[in-house]
C-alpha atoms as a PDB file:
ATOM      1  CA  MET A   1       0.019   0.157   0.017  1.00  0.00           C
ATOM      2  CA  LYS A   2       1.594   3.221  -1.051  1.00  0.00           C
ATOM      3  CA  ALA A   3       2.107   5.788   1.947  1.00  0.00           C
ATOM      4  CA  PHE A   4       0.058   8.943   1.786  1.00  0.00           C
ATOM      5  CA  GLU A   5       2.063  12.106   0.364  1.00  0.00           C
ATOM      6  CA  PHE A   6       1.333  15.634   0.836  1.00  0.00           C
ATOM      7  CA  ASN A   7       1.085  18.133  -1.864  1.00  0.00           C
ATOM      8  CA  ILE A   8       2.049  21.449  -0.554  1.00  0.00           C
ATOM      9  CA  ASP A   9       3.725  24.319  -2.171  1.00  0.00           C
ATOM     10  CA  PHE A  10       5.979  25.007   0.712  1.00  0.00           C
ATOM     11  CA  MET A  11       8.494  27.100  -1.361  1.00  0.00           C
ATOM     12  CA  GLY A  12       5.839  29.166  -2.670  1.00  0.00           C
ATOM     13  CA  LYS A  13       5.282  30.607   0.813  1.00  0.00           C
ATOM     14  CA  ARG A  14       9.105  30.869   1.582  1.00  0.00           C
ATOM     15  CA  LYS A  15       9.219  34.622   1.746  1.00  0.00           C
ATOM     16  CA  LEU A  16       6.315  34.960   4.103  1.00  0.00           C
ATOM     17  CA  PHE A  17       7.938  32.250   6.404  1.00  0.00           C
ATOM     18  CA  ALA A  18      11.373  34.053   5.991  1.00  0.00           C
ATOM     19  CA  GLY A  19       9.824  37.272   7.306  1.00  0.00           C
ATOM     20  CA  LEU A  20       8.162  35.297  10.315  1.00  0.00           C
ATOM     21  CA  SER A  21      11.487  33.802  10.867  1.00  0.00           C
ATOM     22  CA  ILE A  22      13.468  37.019  10.970  1.00  0.00           C
ATOM     23  CA  ALA A  23      10.654  38.568  13.254  1.00  0.00           C
ATOM     24  CA  PHE A  24      10.785  35.799  15.780  1.00  0.00           C
ATOM     25  CA  VAL A  25      14.567  35.918  15.973  1.00  0.00           C
ATOM     26  CA  VAL A  26      14.909  39.931  15.948  1.00  0.00           C
ATOM     27  CA  TYR A  27      12.205  40.149  18.754  1.00  0.00           C
ATOM     28  CA  ALA A  28      13.897  37.298  20.785  1.00  0.00           C
ATOM     29  CA  LEU A  29      17.215  39.046  20.575  1.00  0.00           C
ATOM     30  CA  PHE A  30      15.859  42.355  21.328  1.00  0.00           C
ATOM     31  CA  ASP A  31      14.057  40.920  24.549  1.00  0.00           C
ATOM     32  CA  LEU A  32      17.274  39.088  25.638  1.00  0.00           C
ATOM     33  CA  PHE A  33      19.466  42.370  25.237  1.00  0.00           C
ATOM     34  CA  TYR A  34      16.816  44.616  27.000  1.00  0.00           C
ATOM     35  CA  TYR A  35      15.539  42.240  29.661  1.00  0.00           C
ATOM     36  CA  GLY A  36      17.908  39.541  29.878  1.00  0.00           C
ATOM     37  CA  LEU A  37      17.298  35.925  31.390  1.00  0.00           C
ATOM     38  CA  ASN A  38      15.701  35.197  34.624  1.00  0.00           C
ATOM     39  CA  LEU A  39      18.781  32.880  35.657  1.00  0.00           C
ATOM     40  CA  GLY A  40      18.065  30.396  38.260  1.00  0.00           C
ATOM     41  CA  LEU A  41      20.352  29.714  41.350  1.00  0.00           C
ATOM     42  CA  ASP A  42      22.477  27.275  39.391  1.00  0.00           C
ATOM     43  CA  PHE A  43      23.831  30.313  37.639  1.00  0.00           C
ATOM     44  CA  THR A  44      23.495  33.271  39.857  1.00  0.00           C
ATOM     45  CA  GLY A  45      24.206  31.407  43.215  1.00  0.00           C
ATOM     46  CA  GLY A  46      21.948  31.322  46.320  1.00  0.00           C
ATOM     47  CA  THR A  47      19.776  29.113  48.595  1.00  0.00           C
ATOM     48  CA  LEU A  48      17.059  26.863  47.627  1.00  0.00           C
ATOM     49  CA  VAL A  49      14.577  25.643  50.379  1.00  0.00           C
ATOM     50  CA  GLU A  50      11.907  23.156  50.017  1.00  0.00           C
ATOM     51  CA  VAL A  51       9.456  23.131  52.981  1.00  0.00           C
ATOM     52  CA  GLN A  52       6.144  21.502  53.917  1.00  0.00           C
ATOM     53  CA  PHE A  53       3.369  23.322  55.818  1.00  0.00           C
ATOM     54  CA  GLU A  54       0.698  21.805  57.911  1.00  0.00           C
ATOM     55  CA  SER A  55      -2.099  23.416  55.620  1.00  0.00           C
ATOM     56  CA  ARG A  56      -2.348  25.262  52.417  1.00  0.00           C
ATOM     57  CA  GLN A  57      -0.486  28.530  52.143  1.00  0.00           C
ATOM     58  CA  GLU A  58      -0.328  31.039  49.506  1.00  0.00           C
ATOM     59  CA  PRO A  59       3.003  31.599  47.912  1.00  0.00           C
ATOM     60  CA  GLU A  60       2.876  35.242  47.552  1.00  0.00           C
ATOM     61  CA  GLN A  61       1.971  35.736  51.591  1.00  0.00           C
ATOM     62  CA  VAL A  62       4.921  33.458  52.329  1.00  0.00           C
ATOM     63  CA  ARG A  63       7.136  35.853  50.009  1.00  0.00           C
ATOM     64  CA  GLN A  64       5.999  38.748  51.916  1.00  0.00           C
ATOM     65  CA  VAL A  65       6.826  37.132  55.275  1.00  0.00           C
ATOM     66  CA  LEU A  66      10.264  36.478  54.253  1.00  0.00           C
ATOM     67  CA  GLU A  67      10.674  40.003  52.798  1.00  0.00           C
ATOM     68  CA  ARG A  68       9.579  41.641  56.020  1.00  0.00           C
ATOM     69  CA  SER A  69      12.349  39.639  57.526  1.00  0.00           C
ATOM     70  CA  GLY A  70      14.952  41.003  55.403  1.00  0.00           C
ATOM     71  CA  PHE A  71      15.046  38.321  52.547  1.00  0.00           C
ATOM     72  CA  ARG A  72      14.617  40.123  49.511  1.00  0.00           C
ATOM     73  CA  GLY A  73      14.350  39.149  45.701  1.00  0.00           C
ATOM     74  CA  GLY A  74      13.230  35.620  46.616  1.00  0.00           C
ATOM     75  CA  VAL A  75      10.761  33.440  44.510  1.00  0.00           C
ATOM     76  CA  VAL A  76       8.192  31.195  46.351  1.00  0.00           C
ATOM     77  CA  GLN A  77       6.117  28.706  44.397  1.00  0.00           C
ATOM     78  CA  TYR A  78       4.153  25.459  44.898  1.00  0.00           C
ATOM     79  CA  PHE A  79       6.415  22.384  44.649  1.00  0.00           C
ATOM     80  CA  GLY A  80       3.979  19.380  44.282  1.00  0.00           C
ATOM     81  CA  SER A  81       0.955  19.856  46.551  1.00  0.00           C
ATOM     82  CA  GLU A  82      -0.385  23.200  47.936  1.00  0.00           C
ATOM     83  CA  ARG A  83       1.315  22.314  51.465  1.00  0.00           C
ATOM     84  CA  ASP A  84       4.700  22.240  49.727  1.00  0.00           C
ATOM     85  CA  LEU A  85       6.537  25.457  48.663  1.00  0.00           C
ATOM     86  CA  LEU A  86       9.891  25.933  47.189  1.00  0.00           C
ATOM     87  CA  VAL A  87      11.718  29.100  48.144  1.00  0.00           C
ATOM     88  CA  ARG A  88      14.540  30.448  45.849  1.00  0.00           C
ATOM     89  CA  MET A  89      16.499  33.117  47.424  1.00  0.00           C
ATOM     90  CA  PRO A  90      19.433  34.934  45.681  1.00  0.00           C
ATOM     91  CA  PRO A  91      22.470  36.070  47.752  1.00  0.00           C
ATOM     92  CA  GLN A  92      21.874  38.572  50.290  1.00  0.00           C
ATOM     93  CA  GLU A  93      24.056  41.648  50.946  1.00  0.00           C
ATOM     94  CA  GLU A  94      24.342  40.903  54.769  1.00  0.00           C
ATOM     95  CA  GLY A  95      24.585  37.667  56.903  1.00  0.00           C
ATOM     96  CA  ASP A  96      26.117  34.302  56.478  1.00  0.00           C
ATOM     97  CA  GLN A  97      24.934  33.002  52.931  1.00  0.00           C
ATOM     98  CA  SER A  98      25.749  29.467  53.845  1.00  0.00           C
ATOM     99  CA  ARG A  99      23.251  29.484  56.729  1.00  0.00           C
ATOM    100  CA  MET A 100      20.376  31.203  54.717  1.00  0.00           C
ATOM    101  CA  GLY A 101      18.433  28.004  54.692  1.00  0.00           C
ATOM    102  CA  ASP A 102      18.446  27.737  58.414  1.00  0.00           C
ATOM    103  CA  GLU A 103      17.517  31.579  58.799  1.00  0.00           C
ATOM    104  CA  ILE A 104      14.692  31.069  56.340  1.00  0.00           C
ATOM    105  CA  LEU A 105      13.144  27.854  58.233  1.00  0.00           C
ATOM    106  CA  GLU A 106      13.453  29.871  61.626  1.00  0.00           C
ATOM    107  CA  VAL A 107      11.495  32.874  60.142  1.00  0.00           C
ATOM    108  CA  LEU A 108       8.754  30.233  58.701  1.00  0.00           C
ATOM    109  CA  ARG A 109       8.505  28.386  61.733  1.00  0.00           C
ATOM    110  CA  GLY A 110       8.053  31.596  63.824  1.00  0.00           C
ATOM    111  CA  GLN A 111       5.182  32.690  61.564  1.00  0.00           C
ATOM    112  CA  TYR A 112       3.572  29.474  60.767  1.00  0.00           C
ATOM    113  CA  GLY A 113       4.521  26.976  63.542  1.00  0.00           C
ATOM    114  CA  ASP A 114       5.483  23.309  62.494  1.00  0.00           C
ATOM    115  CA  VAL A 115       7.175  23.720  59.329  1.00  0.00           C
ATOM    116  CA  VAL A 116       9.042  20.838  57.907  1.00  0.00           C
ATOM    117  CA  LEU A 117      12.332  21.063  56.128  1.00  0.00           C
ATOM    118  CA  LYS A 118      12.490  18.742  53.132  1.00  0.00           C
ATOM    119  CA  GLN A 119      15.599  19.991  51.320  1.00  0.00           C
ATOM    120  CA  ALA A 120      17.964  22.949  51.508  1.00  0.00           C
ATOM    121  CA  SER A 121      20.802  23.480  49.243  1.00  0.00           C
ATOM    122  CA  PHE A 122      23.394  26.493  48.569  1.00  0.00           C
ATOM    123  CA  VAL A 123      25.158  27.493  45.481  1.00  0.00           C
ATOM    124  CA  GLY A 124      27.996  29.890  45.702  1.00  0.00           C
ATOM    125  CA  PRO A 125      28.393  32.850  43.223  1.00  0.00           C
ATOM    126  CA  VAL A 126      31.725  31.503  41.861  1.00  0.00           C
ATOM    127  CA  VAL A 127      30.181  28.288  41.095  1.00  0.00           C
ATOM    128  CA  GLY A 128      27.155  30.149  39.253  1.00  0.00           C
ATOM    129  CA  GLU A 129      29.373  32.273  37.249  1.00  0.00           C
ATOM    130  CA  GLU A 130      31.547  29.171  36.213  1.00  0.00           C
ATOM    131  CA  LEU A 131      28.364  27.357  35.207  1.00  0.00           C
ATOM    132  CA  ARG A 132      26.987  30.178  33.266  1.00  0.00           C
ATOM    133  CA  ASP A 133      30.292  30.425  31.089  1.00  0.00           C
ATOM    134  CA  ASP A 134      30.417  26.916  30.717  1.00  0.00           C
ATOM    135  CA  ALA A 135      26.748  26.998  29.418  1.00  0.00           C
ATOM    136  CA  GLY A 136      27.687  29.482  26.756  1.00  0.00           C
ATOM    137  CA  LEU A 137      30.695  27.551  25.564  1.00  0.00           C
ATOM    138  CA  ALA A 138      28.748  24.283  25.397  1.00  0.00           C
ATOM    139  CA  ILE A 139      26.037  25.848  23.078  1.00  0.00           C
ATOM    140  CA  LEU A 140      28.790  27.347  20.680  1.00  0.00           C
ATOM    141  CA  ALA A 141      30.943  24.170  20.667  1.00  0.00           C
ATOM    142  CA  ALA A 142      27.661  22.127  19.768  1.00  0.00           C
ATOM    143  CA  LEU A 143      27.138  24.520  16.778  1.00  0.00           C
ATOM    144  CA  GLY A 144      30.572  24.495  15.483  1.00  0.00           C
ATOM    145  CA  VAL A 145      30.554  20.693  15.517  1.00  0.00           C
ATOM    146  CA  VAL A 146      27.478  20.444  13.873  1.00  0.00           C
ATOM    147  CA  MET A 147      28.520  22.570  10.988  1.00  0.00           C
ATOM    148  CA  VAL A 148      31.676  20.447  10.319  1.00  0.00           C
ATOM    149  CA  TYR A 149      29.701  17.463  10.578  1.00  0.00           C
ATOM    150  CA  ILE A 150      27.199  18.698   7.927  1.00  0.00           C
ATOM    151  CA  LEU A 151      29.846  20.292   5.853  1.00  0.00           C
ATOM    152  CA  PHE A 152      31.523  16.948   5.398  1.00  0.00           C
ATOM    153  CA  ARG A 153      28.338  14.948   5.017  1.00  0.00           C
ATOM    154  CA  PHE A 154      26.681  17.238   2.588  1.00  0.00           C
ATOM    155  CA  THR A 155      27.697  20.494   1.205  1.00  0.00           C
ATOM    156  CA  LYS A 156      28.639  23.942   2.356  1.00  0.00           C
ATOM    157  CA  HIS A 157      25.089  25.108   1.575  1.00  0.00           C
ATOM    158  CA  PHE A 158      23.476  22.553   3.819  1.00  0.00           C
ATOM    159  CA  ALA A 159      25.926  23.099   6.633  1.00  0.00           C
ATOM    160  CA  VAL A 160      25.187  26.947   6.525  1.00  0.00           C
ATOM    161  CA  ALA A 161      21.533  26.459   6.450  1.00  0.00           C
ATOM    162  CA  ALA A 162      21.422  23.655   9.097  1.00  0.00           C
ATOM    163  CA  VAL A 163      23.546  26.103  11.551  1.00  0.00           C
ATOM    164  CA  LEU A 164      21.318  29.026  10.925  1.00  0.00           C
ATOM    165  CA  ALA A 165      18.322  26.939  11.614  1.00  0.00           C
ATOM    166  CA  LEU A 166      19.823  25.596  14.849  1.00  0.00           C
ATOM    167  CA  ILE A 167      20.768  29.183  15.884  1.00  0.00           C
ATOM    168  CA  HIS A 168      17.180  30.098  15.045  1.00  0.00           C
ATOM    169  CA  ASP A 169      15.708  27.659  17.329  1.00  0.00           C
ATOM    170  CA  VAL A 170      18.077  28.407  20.253  1.00  0.00           C
ATOM    171  CA  VAL A 171      17.480  31.956  20.054  1.00  0.00           C
ATOM    172  CA  VAL A 172      13.722  31.602  19.847  1.00  0.00           C
ATOM    173  CA  VAL A 173      13.488  28.925  22.907  1.00  0.00           C
ATOM    174  CA  VAL A 174      15.839  31.339  25.008  1.00  0.00           C
ATOM    175  CA  GLY A 175      14.009  34.398  23.906  1.00  0.00           C
ATOM    176  CA  ILE A 176      10.639  33.004  25.109  1.00  0.00           C
ATOM    177  CA  PHE A 177      11.999  32.210  28.347  1.00  0.00           C
ATOM    178  CA  SER A 178      13.339  35.747  28.527  1.00  0.00           C
ATOM    179  CA  LEU A 179       9.797  37.206  27.345  1.00  0.00           C
ATOM    180  CA  PHE A 180       7.833  35.473  30.042  1.00  0.00           C
ATOM    181  CA  ARG A 181      10.425  35.731  32.782  1.00  0.00           C
ATOM    182  CA  TRP A 182      10.624  31.886  33.301  1.00  0.00           C
ATOM    183  CA  THR A 183      13.601  30.583  35.372  1.00  0.00           C
ATOM    184  CA  PHE A 184      16.347  29.527  33.194  1.00  0.00           C
ATOM    185  CA  ASP A 185      18.670  26.926  35.033  1.00  0.00           C
ATOM    186  CA  LEU A 186      20.597  23.829  34.192  1.00  0.00           C
ATOM    187  CA  SER A 187      17.684  21.642  33.290  1.00  0.00           C
ATOM    188  CA  VAL A 188      16.467  24.317  30.809  1.00  0.00           C
ATOM    189  CA  LEU A 189      20.010  24.434  29.324  1.00  0.00           C
ATOM    190  CA  ALA A 190      19.904  20.549  28.901  1.00  0.00           C
ATOM    191  CA  ALA A 191      16.733  21.028  26.945  1.00  0.00           C
ATOM    192  CA  VAL A 192      18.432  23.613  24.770  1.00  0.00           C
ATOM    193  CA  LEU A 193      21.241  21.183  24.063  1.00  0.00           C
ATOM    194  CA  ALA A 194      18.588  18.247  23.257  1.00  0.00           C
ATOM    195  CA  VAL A 195      16.684  20.701  21.018  1.00  0.00           C
ATOM    196  CA  ILE A 196      19.876  21.247  18.907  1.00  0.00           C
ATOM    197  CA  GLY A 197      20.231  17.581  18.525  1.00  0.00           C
ATOM    198  CA  TYR A 198      16.373  16.995  17.606  1.00  0.00           C
ATOM    199  CA  SER A 199      16.627  19.954  15.016  1.00  0.00           C
ATOM    200  CA  LEU A 200      19.742  18.568  13.536  1.00  0.00           C
ATOM    201  CA  ASN A 201      18.262  15.258  13.203  1.00  0.00           C
ATOM    202  CA  ASP A 202      15.222  16.717  11.207  1.00  0.00           C
ATOM    203  CA  SER A 203      17.645  19.072   9.277  1.00  0.00           C
ATOM    204  CA  ILE A 204      19.701  15.808   8.197  1.00  0.00           C
ATOM    205  CA  VAL A 205      16.589  14.144   6.991  1.00  0.00           C
ATOM    206  CA  VAL A 206      15.563  17.074   4.868  1.00  0.00           C
ATOM    207  CA  ALA A 207      18.970  17.496   3.591  1.00  0.00           C
ATOM    208  CA  ASP A 208      19.234  13.691   2.707  1.00  0.00           C
ATOM    209  CA  ARG A 209      15.847  13.832   0.730  1.00  0.00           C
ATOM    210  CA  ILE A 210      16.649  16.937  -1.104  1.00  0.00           C
ATOM    211  CA  ARG A 211      20.193  15.647  -2.223  1.00  0.00           C
ATOM    212  CA  GLU A 212      18.523  12.252  -3.250  1.00  0.00           C
ATOM    213  CA  ASN A 213      15.811  14.081  -5.516  1.00  0.00           C
ATOM    214  CA  PHE A 214      18.505  16.461  -6.821  1.00  0.00           C
ATOM    215  CA  ARG A 215      20.060  13.290  -8.538  1.00  0.00           C
ATOM    216  CA  LEU A 216      16.795  11.795  -9.492  1.00  0.00           C
ATOM    217  CA  MET A 217      14.820  14.635 -10.751  1.00  0.00           C
ATOM    218  CA  ARG A 218      17.466  16.094 -13.120  1.00  0.00           C
ATOM    219  CA  ARG A 219      15.230  18.381 -15.235  1.00  0.00           C
ATOM    220  CA  ALA A 220      13.479  19.655 -12.384  1.00  0.00           C
ATOM    221  CA  SER A 221      13.846  23.152 -10.891  1.00  0.00           C
ATOM    222  CA  PRO A 222      15.474  23.538  -7.517  1.00  0.00           C
ATOM    223  CA  VAL A 223      12.180  24.774  -6.164  1.00  0.00           C
ATOM    224  CA  ASP A 224      10.267  21.639  -7.484  1.00  0.00           C
ATOM    225  CA  VAL A 225      13.008  19.428  -5.988  1.00  0.00           C
ATOM    226  CA  VAL A 226      12.752  20.945  -2.489  1.00  0.00           C
ATOM    227  CA  ASN A 227       9.011  20.989  -2.710  1.00  0.00           C
ATOM    228  CA  ARG A 228       8.703  17.289  -3.643  1.00  0.00           C
ATOM    229  CA  SER A 229      11.415  16.473  -0.870  1.00  0.00           C
ATOM    230  CA  LEU A 230       9.390  18.239   1.868  1.00  0.00           C
ATOM    231  CA  ASN A 231       6.358  16.640   0.864  1.00  0.00           C
ATOM    232  CA  GLN A 232       7.773  13.110   0.987  1.00  0.00           C
ATOM    233  CA  ILE A 233       8.997  13.768   4.352  1.00  0.00           C
ATOM    234  CA  MET A 234       6.098  15.526   5.905  1.00  0.00           C
ATOM    235  CA  SER A 235       4.286  12.492   7.277  1.00  0.00           C
ATOM    236  CA  ARG A 236       7.545  11.153   8.933  1.00  0.00           C
ATOM    237  CA  THR A 237       8.111  14.438  10.421  1.00  0.00           C
ATOM    238  CA  LEU A 238       4.532  14.987  11.872  1.00  0.00           C
ATOM    239  CA  VAL A 239       4.477  11.552  13.250  1.00  0.00           C
ATOM    240  CA  THR A 240       7.886  12.060  15.080  1.00  0.00           C
ATOM    241  CA  SER A 241       7.050  15.388  16.439  1.00  0.00           C
ATOM    242  CA  LEU A 242       3.422  14.564  17.630  1.00  0.00           C
ATOM    243  CA  THR A 243       4.582  11.481  19.521  1.00  0.00           C
ATOM    244  CA  THR A 244       7.405  13.225  21.055  1.00  0.00           C
ATOM    245  CA  LEU A 245       5.239  16.138  21.928  1.00  0.00           C
ATOM    246  CA  LEU A 246       2.663  13.701  23.569  1.00  0.00           C
ATOM    247  CA  VAL A 247       5.401  12.497  25.955  1.00  0.00           C
ATOM    248  CA  LEU A 248       6.457  16.268  26.671  1.00  0.00           C
ATOM    249  CA  VAL A 249       2.765  17.206  27.332  1.00  0.00           C
ATOM    250  CA  ALA A 250       2.368  14.320  29.821  1.00  0.00           C
ATOM    251  CA  LEU A 251       5.721  15.622  31.722  1.00  0.00           C
ATOM    252  CA  LEU A 252       4.115  18.906  31.772  1.00  0.00           C
ATOM    253  CA  ILE A 253       0.980  18.036  33.386  1.00  0.00           C
ATOM    254  CA  ALA A 254       2.239  15.142  35.879  1.00  0.00           C
ATOM    255  CA  GLY A 255       6.115  15.487  35.832  1.00  0.00           C
ATOM    256  CA  GLY A 256       6.261  17.985  38.746  1.00  0.00           C
ATOM    257  CA  GLU A 257       8.096  21.308  39.289  1.00  0.00           C
ATOM    258  CA  MET A 258      11.591  20.029  38.968  1.00  0.00           C
ATOM    259  CA  ILE A 259      11.441  18.987  35.425  1.00  0.00           C
ATOM    260  CA  ARG A 260       8.737  21.493  34.156  1.00  0.00           C
ATOM    261  CA  GLY A 261      11.337  23.963  32.803  1.00  0.00           C
ATOM    262  CA  PHE A 262      13.055  21.161  31.120  1.00  0.00           C
ATOM    263  CA  ALA A 263       9.974  19.937  29.396  1.00  0.00           C
ATOM    264  CA  LEU A 264       8.634  23.336  28.460  1.00  0.00           C
ATOM    265  CA  ALA A 265      11.895  24.252  26.753  1.00  0.00           C
ATOM    266  CA  LEU A 266      11.986  21.135  24.798  1.00  0.00           C
ATOM    267  CA  THR A 267       8.077  21.420  23.856  1.00  0.00           C
ATOM    268  CA  ILE A 268       9.014  24.915  22.279  1.00  0.00           C
ATOM    269  CA  GLY A 269      12.246  23.622  20.856  1.00  0.00           C
ATOM    270  CA  ILE A 270      10.426  20.759  19.029  1.00  0.00           C
ATOM    271  CA  VAL A 271       7.829  22.857  17.541  1.00  0.00           C
ATOM    272  CA  PHE A 272      10.173  25.540  16.225  1.00  0.00           C
ATOM    273  CA  GLY A 273      12.755  22.944  15.288  1.00  0.00           C
ATOM    274  CA  THR A 274      10.346  21.045  13.175  1.00  0.00           C
ATOM    275  CA  TYR A 275       9.153  24.412  11.707  1.00  0.00           C
ATOM    276  CA  SER A 276      13.051  25.446  10.920  1.00  0.00           C
ATOM    277  CA  SER A 277      13.873  22.078   9.385  1.00  0.00           C
ATOM    278  CA  ILE A 278      11.022  22.627   6.862  1.00  0.00           C
ATOM    279  CA  PHE A 279      11.020  26.241   6.098  1.00  0.00           C
ATOM    280  CA  VAL A 280      14.470  27.642   7.292  1.00  0.00           C
ATOM    281  CA  VAL A 281      16.787  24.957   5.799  1.00  0.00           C
ATOM    282  CA  ALA A 282      14.929  24.364   2.709  1.00  0.00           C
ATOM    283  CA  SER A 283      14.357  28.373   2.028  1.00  0.00           C
ATOM    284  CA  LEU A 284      18.133  28.997   2.807  1.00  0.00           C
ATOM    285  CA  VAL A 285      19.197  26.162   0.131  1.00  0.00           C
ATOM    286  CA  ILE A 286      16.926  27.868  -2.382  1.00  0.00           C
ATOM    287  CA  PHE A 287      18.312  31.370  -1.339  1.00  0.00           C
ATOM    288  CA  MET A 288      21.819  30.035  -1.766  1.00  0.00           C
ATOM    289  CA  LYS A 289      21.000  28.778  -5.367  1.00  0.00           C
ATOM    290  CA  MET A 290      22.238  25.280  -4.793  1.00  0.00           C
ATOM    291  CA  THR A 291      22.181  23.318  -7.954  1.00  0.00           C
ATOM    292  CA  ARG A 292      22.548  19.636  -8.863  1.00  0.00           C
ATOM    293  CA  GLU A 293      26.257  20.388  -9.978  1.00  0.00           C
ATOM    294  CA  ASP A 294      27.085  21.172  -6.168  1.00  0.00           C
ATOM    295  CA  LEU A 295      26.197  17.539  -5.412  1.00  0.00           C
ATOM    296  CA  ILE A 296      28.231  16.120  -8.115  1.00  0.00           C
ATOM    297  CA  ALA A 297      31.554  15.691  -6.160  1.00  0.00           C
ATOM    298  CA  PRO A 298      29.773  13.768  -3.242  1.00  0.00           C
ATOM    299  CA  VAL A 299      28.209  11.476  -5.863  1.00  0.00           C
ATOM    300  CA  GLU A 300      31.648  10.603  -7.594  1.00  0.00           C
ATOM    301  CA  GLN A 301      33.225  10.145  -4.041  1.00  0.00           C
ATOM    302  CA  GLU A 302      30.461   7.809  -2.903  1.00  0.00           C
ATOM    303  CA  ASP A 303      30.755   5.655  -6.155  1.00  0.00           C
ATOM    304  CA  ALA A 304      34.531   5.560  -5.777  1.00  0.00           C
ATOM    305  CA  GLU A 305      34.024   4.294  -2.152  1.00  0.00           C
ATOM    306  CA  GLY A 306      31.452   1.679  -3.496  1.00  0.00           C
ATOM    307  CA  SER A 307      33.842   0.297  -6.087  1.00  0.00           C
END
């Protein structure tokens, strides 16, 4: 039975989607430079305290109690049930930072009575700064390795297109976290690196099919070749993306607070990664005017290896 194949004129709308992509990236960069990221304690340093109350408490009221006691700039949120709260407190100007968890617990017990300490951890500012620098280097290294790999696997056209698509995905994901002031911590960074891998896989599938059709459809124009390639892989792309998104939605609903940032970043990344592998990569290949002659060298090399 022949698999269902779409018949969509993707490249006929490439200018529209190119404009959308540029708008996404420009707005995300503006938001990043103007507002910055709401970095978690992993990067800024500070104290994280998880406590359990006897009854339901409002996070905002708990935050105000801590602020009146001299703990400023903290974030209080539910962690599991409505009796469990997570307190994230940045470094304070005064006092022993390593004892901040005990001091926060004392304040809460003085106000609410029997409060159970479930977890307390402290991250120093030096460690946070180190992690922030390493995070940037990790993303740059990943993009560099990807470009070299695709350059040898395909051509310079695909290499440039794939890396620009990856940069597009990373900037948009990070920009959305900046826009909504969501906490950006190590788990979100791990999701961003996973997005690079996922988007790269999609881009390679697209590039492989375009290269194959450039060899088979010798009289077709580049736009027709790319359109045919994208329609052929559309079923596979939708099935892969939707099944992955189902798992991530389940994690968002039932996974708990600790992995919510990871699941959220990966969900956004997969949506935009699927979009970029179709519209950004393919549109850039057309924009750079790749022709069948650009793929002749790889064909001859493969024939020589086979013989």
